[in-house]
C-alpha cells in the first residue's frame, strides 16, 4: 500500500524542534510501500521548509526528493480525463493514482 503525504508531516520531519519528530520519522520510514507526494505538496513543503526553517533544512529536503525518498505522482498534464475520476471531499480533491 502507498502512503500519501501532505506538506504538514514533511515540514514536521524537517523541524528539529518538533517534539514528536522521531515518532513521525519512524512511521514514515517504516512504511513498506512507496511514500507518495503530489508535485504541489512537494512545492508547498519546499516553500514552508525554506521560509520557516532556513536554507540548510530546505537543502536536506531537496536532497531527499532528488534521491528518490519520495515518489512524485500527480495528475498528468497532457490528459485531462483524470479530472472525471477525481473525487471532491469536504476538504480536498482526491485523484486516483494508477500503478
Protein backbone atom coordinates (compact mmCIF):
# COMPACT_ATOMS: atom_id res chain seq x y z
CA UNK A 1 0.00 0.00 0.00
CA UNK A 2 1.19 3.54 -0.70
CA UNK A 3 1.48 6.23 1.94
CA UNK A 4 0.41 9.60 0.54
CA UNK A 5 1.74 12.61 2.44
CA UNK A 6 0.72 16.22 2.67
CA UNK A 7 3.11 19.08 3.41
CA UNK A 8 2.46 19.05 7.18
CA UNK A 9 4.30 15.81 8.01
CA UNK A 10 7.14 16.76 5.66
CA UNK A 11 7.54 20.10 7.45
CA UNK A 12 7.36 18.41 10.87
CA UNK A 13 10.09 15.93 9.90
CA UNK A 14 12.32 18.80 8.76
CA UNK A 15 11.75 20.73 12.01
CA UNK A 16 14.35 19.52 14.51
CA UNK A 17 12.46 21.20 17.37
CA UNK A 18 9.23 19.22 16.76
CA UNK A 19 8.81 17.02 19.85
CA UNK A 20 7.32 14.02 18.03
CA UNK A 21 9.67 14.14 15.05
CA UNK A 22 11.26 10.75 15.78
CA UNK A 23 7.86 9.07 16.07
CA UNK A 24 6.74 10.58 12.78
CA UNK A 25 10.00 9.70 11.06
CA UNK A 26 9.69 6.10 12.30
CA UNK A 27 6.17 5.81 10.92
CA UNK A 28 7.13 7.15 7.51
CA UNK A 29 10.44 5.34 7.19
CA UNK A 30 8.79 2.12 8.39
CA UNK A 31 6.26 2.21 5.54
CA UNK A 32 6.77 -0.82 3.30
CA UNK A 33 5.11 0.67 0.25
CA UNK A 34 6.06 3.82 -1.62
CA UNK A 35 5.79 7.21 0.07
CA UNK A 36 3.99 9.41 -2.45
CA UNK A 37 3.79 13.19 -2.83
CA UNK A 38 2.00 15.26 -5.38
CA UNK A 39 4.21 17.84 -7.08
CA UNK A 40 2.07 20.51 -5.41
CA UNK A 41 2.76 19.08 -1.95
CA UNK A 42 6.48 18.90 -2.72
CA UNK A 43 6.45 22.55 -3.79
CA UNK A 44 4.48 23.64 -0.72
CA UNK A 45 6.76 21.71 1.64
CA UNK A 46 9.85 23.16 -0.05
CA UNK A 47 8.47 26.67 0.35
CA UNK A 48 7.49 26.20 4.02
CA UNK A 49 10.72 24.48 4.97
CA UNK A 50 12.90 27.05 3.23
CA UNK A 51 10.97 30.03 4.54
CA UNK A 52 10.50 28.90 8.14
CA UNK A 53 13.42 26.55 8.82
CA UNK A 54 16.10 28.01 6.57
CA UNK A 55 18.25 27.03 3.62
CA UNK A 56 20.01 24.09 5.29
CA UNK A 57 16.73 22.35 6.11
CA UNK A 58 15.46 23.10 2.62
CA UNK A 59 18.61 21.63 1.08
CA UNK A 60 18.15 18.41 3.08
CA UNK A 61 14.53 18.14 1.94
CA UNK A 62 15.55 18.69 -1.69
CA UNK A 63 18.24 16.02 -1.32
CA UNK A 64 15.53 13.60 -0.14
CA UNK A 65 13.46 14.47 -3.20
CA UNK A 66 16.41 14.05 -5.55
CA UNK A 67 17.45 10.72 -4.02
CA UNK A 68 14.04 9.15 -4.58
CA UNK A 69 12.98 9.02 -0.94
CA UNK A 70 9.53 10.06 -2.15
CA UNK A 71 7.67 9.20 -5.33
CA UNK A 72 6.22 12.23 -7.05
CA UNK A 73 2.80 11.47 -8.55
CA UNK A 74 0.14 13.76 -9.87
CA UNK A 75 -2.46 14.29 -12.50
CA UNK A 76 -0.99 14.02 -15.98
CA UNK A 77 -0.60 17.36 -17.69
CA UNK A 78 -1.35 16.12 -21.21
CA UNK A 79 -4.57 14.24 -20.48
CA UNK A 80 -7.39 15.87 -18.55
CA UNK A 81 -9.52 12.70 -18.31
CA UNK A 82 -8.13 12.27 -14.76
CA UNK A 83 -10.45 15.10 -13.70
CA UNK A 84 -13.53 12.97 -14.41
CA UNK A 85 -12.16 10.33 -11.99
CA UNK A 86 -11.46 12.81 -9.20
CA UNK A 87 -13.48 12.95 -6.01
CA UNK A 88 -14.34 16.06 -4.03
CA UNK A 89 -14.33 15.60 -0.27
CA UNK A 90 -15.29 18.29 2.22
CA UNK A 91 -11.64 19.38 2.45
CA UNK A 92 -9.76 18.40 -0.70
CA UNK A 93 -9.78 16.95 -4.18
CA UNK A 94 -8.61 13.34 -4.38
CA UNK A 95 -7.20 11.88 -7.59
CA UNK A 96 -6.80 8.16 -8.20
CA UNK A 97 -3.21 7.01 -8.63
CA UNK A 98 -2.78 4.31 -11.22
CA UNK A 99 0.05 1.84 -10.83
